[in-house]
PDB file of N, CA and C in Angstrom:
ATOM      1  N   MET A   1    -145.287 -47.729 153.448  1.00  0.00           N
ATOM      2  CA  MET A   1    -145.894 -49.072 154.312  1.00  0.00           C
ATOM      3  C   MET A   1    -147.292 -48.654 154.870  1.00  0.00           C
ATOM      4  N   ASP A   2    -148.255 -49.412 154.799  1.00  0.00           N
ATOM      5  CA  ASP A   2    -149.715 -49.122 155.221  1.00  0.00           C
ATOM      6  C   ASP A   2    -149.962 -49.634 156.810  1.00  0.00           C
ATOM      7  N   ILE A   3    -150.709 -48.756 157.360  1.00  0.00           N
ATOM      8  CA  ILE A   3    -151.234 -49.224 158.524  1.00  0.00           C
ATOM      9  C   ILE A   3    -152.706 -49.310 158.910  1.00  0.00           C
ATOM     10  N   GLY A   4    -153.559 -50.356 158.532  1.00  0.00           N
ATOM     11  CA  GLY A   4    -154.738 -50.564 158.208  1.00  0.00           C
ATOM     12  C   GLY A   4    -155.171 -49.448 156.887  1.00  0.00           C
ATOM     13  N   ILE A   5    -156.255 -48.711 156.763  1.00  0.00           N
ATOM     14  CA  ILE A   5    -156.178 -48.027 155.849  1.00  0.00           C
ATOM     15  C   ILE A   5    -155.528 -46.785 155.449  1.00  0.00           C
ATOM     16  N   LEU A   6    -154.761 -46.434 156.997  1.00  0.00           N
ATOM     17  CA  LEU A   6    -153.800 -45.171 156.271  1.00  0.00           C
ATOM     18  C   LEU A   6    -152.602 -45.561 156.067  1.00  0.00           C
ATOM     19  N   LYS A   7    -151.997 -45.085 155.645  1.00  0.00           N
ATOM     20  CA  LYS A   7    -150.574 -44.827 154.951  1.00  0.00           C
ATOM     21  C   LYS A   7    -149.592 -44.070 155.905  1.00  0.00           C
ATOM     22  N   LEU A   8    -148.372 -44.247 156.124  1.00  0.00           N
ATOM     23  CA  LEU A   8    -147.344 -43.543 156.817  1.00  0.00           C
ATOM     24  C   LEU A   8    -147.337 -41.958 156.353  1.00  0.00           C
ATOM     25  N   GLU A   9    -147.594 -41.773 155.290  1.00  0.00           N
ATOM     26  CA  GLU A   9    -147.736 -40.358 155.041  1.00  0.00           C
ATOM     27  C   GLU A   9    -148.720 -39.335 155.825  1.00  0.00           C
ATOM     28  N   ASP A  10    -150.026 -40.394 155.961  1.00  0.00           N
ATOM     29  CA  ASP A  10    -151.439 -39.750 156.608  1.00  0.00           C
ATOM     30  C   ASP A  10    -150.985 -39.435 157.945  1.00  0.00           C
ATOM     31  N   PHE A  11    -149.732 -39.702 158.552  1.00  0.00           N
ATOM     32  CA  PHE A  11    -149.651 -39.612 160.065  1.00  0.00           C
ATOM     33  C   PHE A  11    -148.978 -38.237 160.178  1.00  0.00           C
ATOM     34  N   ASN A  12    -148.491 -37.816 159.034  1.00  0.00           N
ATOM     35  CA  ASN A  12    -147.591 -36.399 159.065  1.00  0.00           C
ATOM     36  C   ASN A  12    -148.686 -35.383 159.696  1.00  0.00           C
ATOM     37  N   PHE A  13    -150.214 -35.454 159.249  1.00  0.00           N
ATOM     38  CA  PHE A  13    -151.210 -34.551 159.749  1.00  0.00           C
ATOM     39  C   PHE A  13    -151.232 -34.447 161.133  1.00  0.00           C
ATOM     40  N   ILE A  14    -150.714 -35.801 161.748  1.00  0.00           N
ATOM     41  CA  ILE A  14    -151.370 -35.573 163.401  1.00  0.00           C
ATOM     42  C   ILE A  14    -149.995 -34.969 164.039  1.00  0.00           C
ATOM     43  N   LYS A  15    -150.448 -34.637 165.275  1.00  0.00           N
ATOM     44  CA  LYS A  15    -149.535 -33.877 166.197  1.00  0.00           C
ATOM     45  C   LYS A  15    -149.381 -34.713 167.487  1.00  0.00           C
ATOM     46  N   VAL A  16    -148.681 -34.850 168.078  1.00  0.00           N
ATOM     47  CA  VAL A  16    -148.643 -35.409 169.332  1.00  0.00           C
ATOM     48  C   VAL A  16    -147.806 -34.696 170.484  1.00  0.00           C
ATOM     49  N   LYS A  17    -149.051 -34.666 171.538  1.00  0.00           N
ATOM     50  CA  LYS A  17    -148.711 -33.157 172.420  1.00  0.00           C
ATOM     51  C   LYS A  17    -147.732 -34.135 173.279  1.00  0.00           C
ATOM     52  N   ASN A  18    -148.496 -35.301 173.882  1.00  0.00           N
ATOM     53  CA  ASN A  18    -147.913 -36.191 174.987  1.00  0.00           C
ATOM     54  C   ASN A  18    -148.559 -37.542 174.698  1.00  0.00           C
ATOM     55  N   GLU A  19    -148.565 -38.299 175.426  1.00  0.00           N
ATOM     56  CA  GLU A  19    -148.815 -39.672 175.432  1.00  0.00           C
ATOM     57  C   GLU A  19    -150.616 -39.698 175.590  1.00  0.00           C
ATOM     58  N   ASP A  20    -151.098 -38.873 175.840  1.00  0.00           N
ATOM     59  CA  ASP A  20    -152.639 -38.767 176.073  1.00  0.00           C
ATOM     60  C   ASP A  20    -153.366 -37.681 175.345  1.00  0.00           C
ATOM     61  N   GLU A  21    -152.686 -37.022 174.720  1.00  0.00           N
ATOM     62  CA  GLU A  21    -152.917 -35.821 173.815  1.00  0.00           C
ATOM     63  C   GLU A  21    -152.634 -35.638 172.359  1.00  0.00           C
ATOM     64  N   VAL A  22    -153.560 -36.119 171.435  1.00  0.00           N
ATOM     65  CA  VAL A  22    -152.934 -36.334 169.839  1.00  0.00           C
ATOM     66  C   VAL A  22    -153.876 -34.887 169.237  1.00  0.00           C
ATOM     67  N   THR A  23    -153.447 -34.083 168.390  1.00  0.00           N
ATOM     68  CA  THR A  23    -153.858 -33.531 167.673  1.00  0.00           C
ATOM     69  C   THR A  23    -154.118 -33.228 166.281  1.00  0.00           C
ATOM     70  N   MET A  24    -155.122 -32.957 165.717  1.00  0.00           N
ATOM     71  CA  MET A  24    -154.741 -32.911 164.279  1.00  0.00           C
ATOM     72  C   MET A  24    -155.933 -31.573 163.389  1.00  0.00           C
ATOM     73  N   LYS A  25    -155.411 -31.232 162.507  1.00  0.00           N
ATOM     74  CA  LYS A  25    -156.215 -29.815 162.177  1.00  0.00           C
ATOM     75  C   LYS A  25    -157.571 -30.327 161.393  1.00  0.00           C
ATOM     76  N   LEU A  26    -158.991 -29.748 161.511  1.00  0.00           N
ATOM     77  CA  LEU A  26    -160.028 -30.208 160.973  1.00  0.00           C
ATOM     78  C   LEU A  26    -159.787 -30.464 159.686  1.00  0.00           C
ATOM     79  N   LYS A  27    -159.389 -29.580 158.847  1.00  0.00           N
ATOM     80  CA  LYS A  27    -159.031 -29.469 157.172  1.00  0.00           C
ATOM     81  C   LYS A  27    -158.548 -30.860 156.742  1.00  0.00           C
ATOM     82  N   ASP A  28    -157.345 -31.144 157.924  1.00  0.00           N
ATOM     83  CA  ASP A  28    -156.563 -32.638 157.468  1.00  0.00           C
ATOM     84  C   ASP A  28    -157.282 -33.864 157.891  1.00  0.00           C
ATOM     85  N   LEU A  29    -158.357 -33.779 158.868  1.00  0.00           N
ATOM     86  CA  LEU A  29    -159.172 -34.722 159.151  1.00  0.00           C
ATOM     87  C   LEU A  29    -160.190 -34.787 157.706  1.00  0.00           C
ATOM     88  N   LYS A  30    -160.567 -33.838 157.503  1.00  0.00           N
ATOM     89  CA  LYS A  30    -161.876 -33.911 156.670  1.00  0.00           C
ATOM     90  C   LYS A  30    -161.009 -34.201 154.912  1.00  0.00           C
ATOM     91  N   GLU A  31    -159.554 -34.211 155.001  1.00  0.00           N
ATOM     92  CA  GLU A  31    -158.593 -34.526 153.904  1.00  0.00           C
ATOM     93  C   GLU A  31    -158.517 -36.027 153.825  1.00  0.00           C
ATOM     94  N   LEU A  32    -158.449 -36.728 155.232  1.00  0.00           N
ATOM     95  CA  LEU A  32    -158.359 -37.718 155.052  1.00  0.00           C
ATOM     96  C   LEU A  32    -159.251 -38.840 155.168  1.00  0.00           C
ATOM     97  N   ILE A  33    -160.470 -38.279 155.690  1.00  0.00           N
ATOM     98  CA  ILE A  33    -161.929 -38.976 155.345  1.00  0.00           C
ATOM     99  C   ILE A  33    -162.144 -39.210 153.841  1.00  0.00           C
ATOM    100  N   LEU A  34    -161.936 -38.053 153.415  1.00  0.00           N
ATOM    101  CA  LEU A  34    -162.471 -37.797 151.778  1.00  0.00           C
ATOM    102  C   LEU A  34    -161.643 -38.944 151.231  1.00  0.00           C
ATOM    103  N   LYS A  35    -160.367 -39.009 151.393  1.00  0.00           N
ATOM    104  CA  LYS A  35    -159.217 -39.973 150.791  1.00  0.00           C
ATOM    105  C   LYS A  35    -159.553 -41.343 150.804  1.00  0.00           C
ATOM    106  N   HIS A  36    -160.082 -41.703 151.853  1.00  0.00           N
ATOM    107  CA  HIS A  36    -160.324 -43.321 152.566  1.00  0.00           C
ATOM    108  C   HIS A  36    -161.835 -42.954 152.694  1.00  0.00           C
ATOM    109  N   ASN A  37    -162.951 -42.573 151.947  1.00  0.00           N
ATOM    110  CA  ASN A  37    -164.112 -43.006 152.165  1.00  0.00           C
ATOM    111  C   ASN A  37    -164.785 -44.102 151.892  1.00  0.00           C
ATOM    112  N   ASN A  38    -164.072 -44.857 150.966  1.00  0.00           N
ATOM    113  CA  ASN A  38    -164.681 -46.147 150.381  1.00  0.00           C
ATOM    114  C   ASN A  38    -164.152 -47.040 151.612  1.00  0.00           C
ATOM    115  N   GLU A  39    -163.429 -47.064 152.095  1.00  0.00           N
ATOM    116  CA  GLU A  39    -162.812 -47.653 153.125  1.00  0.00           C
ATOM    117  C   GLU A  39    -163.597 -47.740 154.424  1.00  0.00           C
ATOM    118  N   ILE A  40    -163.743 -46.381 154.801  1.00  0.00           N
ATOM    119  CA  ILE A  40    -164.187 -46.398 155.960  1.00  0.00           C
ATOM    120  C   ILE A  40    -165.838 -46.781 155.836  1.00  0.00           C
ATOM    121  N   ARG A  41    -166.240 -46.412 154.554  1.00  0.00           N
ATOM    122  CA  ARG A  41    -167.825 -47.031 154.570  1.00  0.00           C
ATOM    123  C   ARG A  41    -167.946 -48.571 154.621  1.00  0.00           C
ATOM    124  N   GLU A  42    -166.615 -49.318 154.220  1.00  0.00           N
ATOM    125  CA  GLU A  42    -166.792 -50.792 154.345  1.00  0.00           C
ATOM    126  C   GLU A  42    -166.469 -51.074 155.906  1.00  0.00           C
ATOM    127  N   ILE A  43    -165.735 -50.596 156.662  1.00  0.00           N
ATOM    128  CA  ILE A  43    -165.599 -50.845 157.991  1.00  0.00           C
ATOM    129  C   ILE A  43    -166.945 -50.389 158.664  1.00  0.00           C
ATOM    130  N   LEU A  44    -167.481 -49.187 158.333  1.00  0.00           N
ATOM    131  CA  LEU A  44    -168.854 -48.823 158.903  1.00  0.00           C
ATOM    132  C   LEU A  44    -169.976 -50.185 158.647  1.00  0.00           C
ATOM    133  N   LEU A  45    -170.110 -50.488 157.538  1.00  0.00           N
ATOM    134  CA  LEU A  45    -170.788 -51.517 157.329  1.00  0.00           C
ATOM    135  C   LEU A  45    -170.450 -52.946 158.032  1.00  0.00           C
ATOM    136  N   ALA A  46    -169.233 -53.236 157.810  1.00  0.00           N
ATOM    137  CA  ALA A  46    -168.857 -54.640 158.536  1.00  0.00           C
ATOM    138  C   ALA A  46    -169.270 -54.118 159.938  1.00  0.00           C
ATOM    139  N   VAL A  47    -168.924 -53.006 160.883  1.00  0.00           N
ATOM    140  CA  VAL A  47    -169.432 -53.135 162.093  1.00  0.00           C
ATOM    141  C   VAL A  47    -170.855 -53.042 162.505  1.00  0.00           C
ATOM    142  N   GLU A  48    -171.790 -52.377 161.734  1.00  0.00           N
ATOM    143  CA  GLU A  48    -173.015 -52.583 161.476  1.00  0.00           C
ATOM    144  C   GLU A  48    -173.566 -53.944 161.465  1.00  0.00           C
ATOM    145  N   MET A  49    -172.986 -54.619 160.494  1.00  0.00           N
ATOM    146  CA  MET A  49    -173.300 -56.099 160.485  1.00  0.00           C
ATOM    147  C   MET A  49    -173.361 -56.889 161.593  1.00  0.00           C
ATOM    148  N   GLU A  50    -172.113 -56.669 162.019  1.00  0.00           N
ATOM    149  CA  GLU A  50    -171.554 -57.445 163.178  1.00  0.00           C
ATOM    150  C   GLU A  50    -172.588 -57.218 164.426  1.00  0.00           C
ATOM    151  N   ARG A  51    -172.698 -55.983 164.518  1.00  0.00           N
ATOM    152  CA  ARG A  51    -174.005 -55.678 165.789  1.00  0.00           C
ATOM    153  C   ARG A  51    -175.163 -56.411 165.447  1.00  0.00           C
ATOM    154  N   ARG A  52    -175.440 -56.053 164.269  1.00  0.00           N
ATOM    155  CA  ARG A  52    -177.103 -56.836 164.080  1.00  0.00           C
ATOM    156  C   ARG A  52    -176.963 -58.441 163.968  1.00  0.00           C
ATOM    157  N   SER A  53    -176.060 -58.589 163.568  1.00  0.00           N
ATOM    158  CA  SER A  53    -175.547 -60.469 163.769  1.00  0.00           C
ATOM    159  C   SER A  53    -175.809 -60.858 165.247  1.00  0.00           C
ATOM    160  N   GLU A  54    -175.210 -59.859 166.198  1.00  0.00           N
ATOM    161  CA  GLU A  54    -175.216 -60.446 167.616  1.00  0.00           C
ATOM    162  C   GLU A  54    -176.426 -60.159 168.401  1.00  0.00           C
ATOM    163  N   GLU A  55    -177.587 -59.073 167.677  1.00  0.00           N
ATOM    164  CA  GLU A  55    -179.109 -58.917 168.210  1.00  0.00           C
ATOM    165  C   GLU A  55    -179.526 -60.014 167.274  1.00  0.00           C
ATOM    166  N   LEU A  56    -179.417 -60.595 166.143  1.00  0.00           N
ATOM    167  CA  LEU A  56    -180.141 -61.992 165.904  1.00  0.00           C
ATOM    168  C   LEU A  56    -179.771 -63.041 166.987  1.00  0.00           C
ATOM    169  N   ASN A  57    -178.348 -63.483 167.186  1.00  0.00           N
ATOM    170  CA  ASN A  57    -177.861 -64.259 167.901  1.00  0.00           C
ATOM    171  C   ASN A  57    -178.925 -64.309 169.427  1.00  0.00           C
ATOM    172  N   LYS A  58    -178.953 -62.956 169.764  1.00  0.00           N
ATOM    173  CA  LYS A  58    -179.964 -62.986 170.886  1.00  0.00           C
ATOM    174  C   LYS A  58    -181.228 -63.043 170.812  1.00  0.00           C
ATOM    175  N   GLY A  59    -181.552 -63.373 169.426  1.00  0.00           N
ATOM    176  CA  GLY A  59    -183.273 -63.395 169.319  1.00  0.00           C
ATOM    177  C   GLY A  59    -183.834 -61.970 169.010  1.00  0.00           C
ATOM    178  N   LEU A  60    -182.997 -60.893 168.896  1.00  0.00           N
ATOM    179  CA  LEU A  60    -183.433 -59.750 168.765  1.00  0.00           C
ATOM    180  C   LEU A  60    -183.666 -59.281 167.060  1.00  0.00           C
ATOM    181  N   GLY A  61    -184.626 -58.602 166.616  1.00  0.00           N
ATOM    182  CA  GLY A  61    -184.464 -58.077 165.189  1.00  0.00           C
ATOM    183  C   GLY A  61    -184.999 -59.121 164.146  1.00  0.00           C
ATOM    184  N   GLU A  62    -184.970 -58.991 163.175  1.00  0.00           N
ATOM    185  CA  GLU A  62    -185.255 -59.993 162.051  1.00  0.00           C
ATOM    186  C   GLU A  62    -184.261 -60.125 160.965  1.00  0.00           C
ATOM    187  N   GLU A  63    -184.216 -61.214 160.385  1.00  0.00           N
ATOM    188  CA  GLU A  63    -183.033 -61.566 159.538  1.00  0.00           C
ATOM    189  C   GLU A  63    -183.408 -61.090 157.970  1.00  0.00           C
ATOM    190  N   HIS A  64    -182.156 -60.544 157.777  1.00  0.00           N
ATOM    191  CA  HIS A  64    -182.360 -59.811 156.109  1.00  0.00           C
ATOM    192  C   HIS A  64    -181.231 -60.331 155.496  1.00  0.00           C
ATOM    193  N   SER A  65    -181.248 -60.365 153.890  1.00  0.00           N
ATOM    194  CA  SER A  65    -180.268 -60.978 153.092  1.00  0.00           C
ATOM    195  C   SER A  65    -179.195 -59.730 152.678  1.00  0.00           C
ATOM    196  N   LEU A  66    -177.840 -60.142 152.408  1.00  0.00           N
ATOM    197  CA  LEU A  66    -177.023 -59.335 152.447  1.00  0.00           C
ATOM    198  C   LEU A  66    -177.320 -57.877 151.829  1.00  0.00           C
ATOM    199  N   GLU A  67    -177.821 -58.106 150.308  1.00  0.00           N
ATOM    200  CA  GLU A  67    -178.289 -57.231 149.675  1.00  0.00           C
ATOM    201  C   GLU A  67    -179.365 -56.037 150.576  1.00  0.00           C
ATOM    202  N   GLU A  68    -180.344 -56.882 151.353  1.00  0.00           N
ATOM    203  CA  GLU A  68    -181.360 -56.186 152.015  1.00  0.00           C
ATOM    204  C   GLU A  68    -180.296 -55.180 152.879  1.00  0.00           C
ATOM    205  N   MET A  69    -179.525 -55.579 153.802  1.00  0.00           N
ATOM    206  CA  MET A  69    -178.577 -55.256 154.898  1.00  0.00           C
ATOM    207  C   MET A  69    -177.830 -53.843 154.048  1.00  0.00           C
ATOM    208  N   LYS A  70    -177.051 -54.020 152.989  1.00  0.00           N
ATOM    209  CA  LYS A  70    -176.789 -53.200 152.340  1.00  0.00           C
ATOM    210  C   LYS A  70    -177.574 -51.943 152.198  1.00  0.00           C
ATOM    211  N   LYS A  71    -178.801 -51.936 151.612  1.00  0.00           N
ATOM    212  CA  LYS A  71    -179.542 -50.825 151.117  1.00  0.00           C
ATOM    213  C   LYS A  71    -180.030 -50.472 152.480  1.00  0.00           C
ATOM    214  N   MET A  72    -180.534 -51.278 153.594  1.00  0.00           N
ATOM    215  CA  MET A  72    -180.576 -50.570 154.701  1.00  0.00           C
ATOM    216  C   MET A  72    -179.569 -49.821 155.502  1.00  0.00           C
ATOM    217  N   LEU A  73    -178.718 -49.969 155.204  1.00  0.00           N
ATOM    218  CA  LEU A  73    -177.381 -49.205 155.971  1.00  0.00           C
ATOM    219  C   LEU A  73    -176.955 -48.121 154.805  1.00  0.00           C
ATOM    220  N   GLU A  74    -177.125 -48.003 153.605  1.00  0.00           N
ATOM    221  CA  GLU A  74    -176.671 -46.822 152.978  1.00  0.00           C
ATOM    222  C   GLU A  74    -177.848 -45.860 153.109  1.00  0.00           C
ATOM    223  N   GLU A  75    -179.408 -46.153 153.611  1.00  0.00           N
ATOM    224  CA  GLU A  75    -180.097 -45.241 153.880  1.00  0.00           C
ATOM    225  C   GLU A  75    -180.014 -44.536 155.156  1.00  0.00           C
ATOM    226  N   ILE A  76    -178.854 -44.985 155.925  1.00  0.00           N
ATOM    227  CA  ILE A  76    -178.834 -44.318 157.383  1.00  0.00           C
ATOM    228  C   ILE A  76    -177.687 -43.703 157.181  1.00  0.00           C
TER     229      ILE A  76
END
């Protein structure tokens, strides 16, 4: 069963102390990030493109092609 990019087995790394506090070992977080690196990059790209789109709608910034946007975001 998938929940977003995470699979059910990924939640074995997470320890719930109470409804307000959740912990995870740093090495487990690193493993999850490395395992889902491509998906995380795609999400970050989409978030940044949305932010820039909102700036353009407000008349801020300048318009770029999709390829230019990808290149600029990879440099960040």
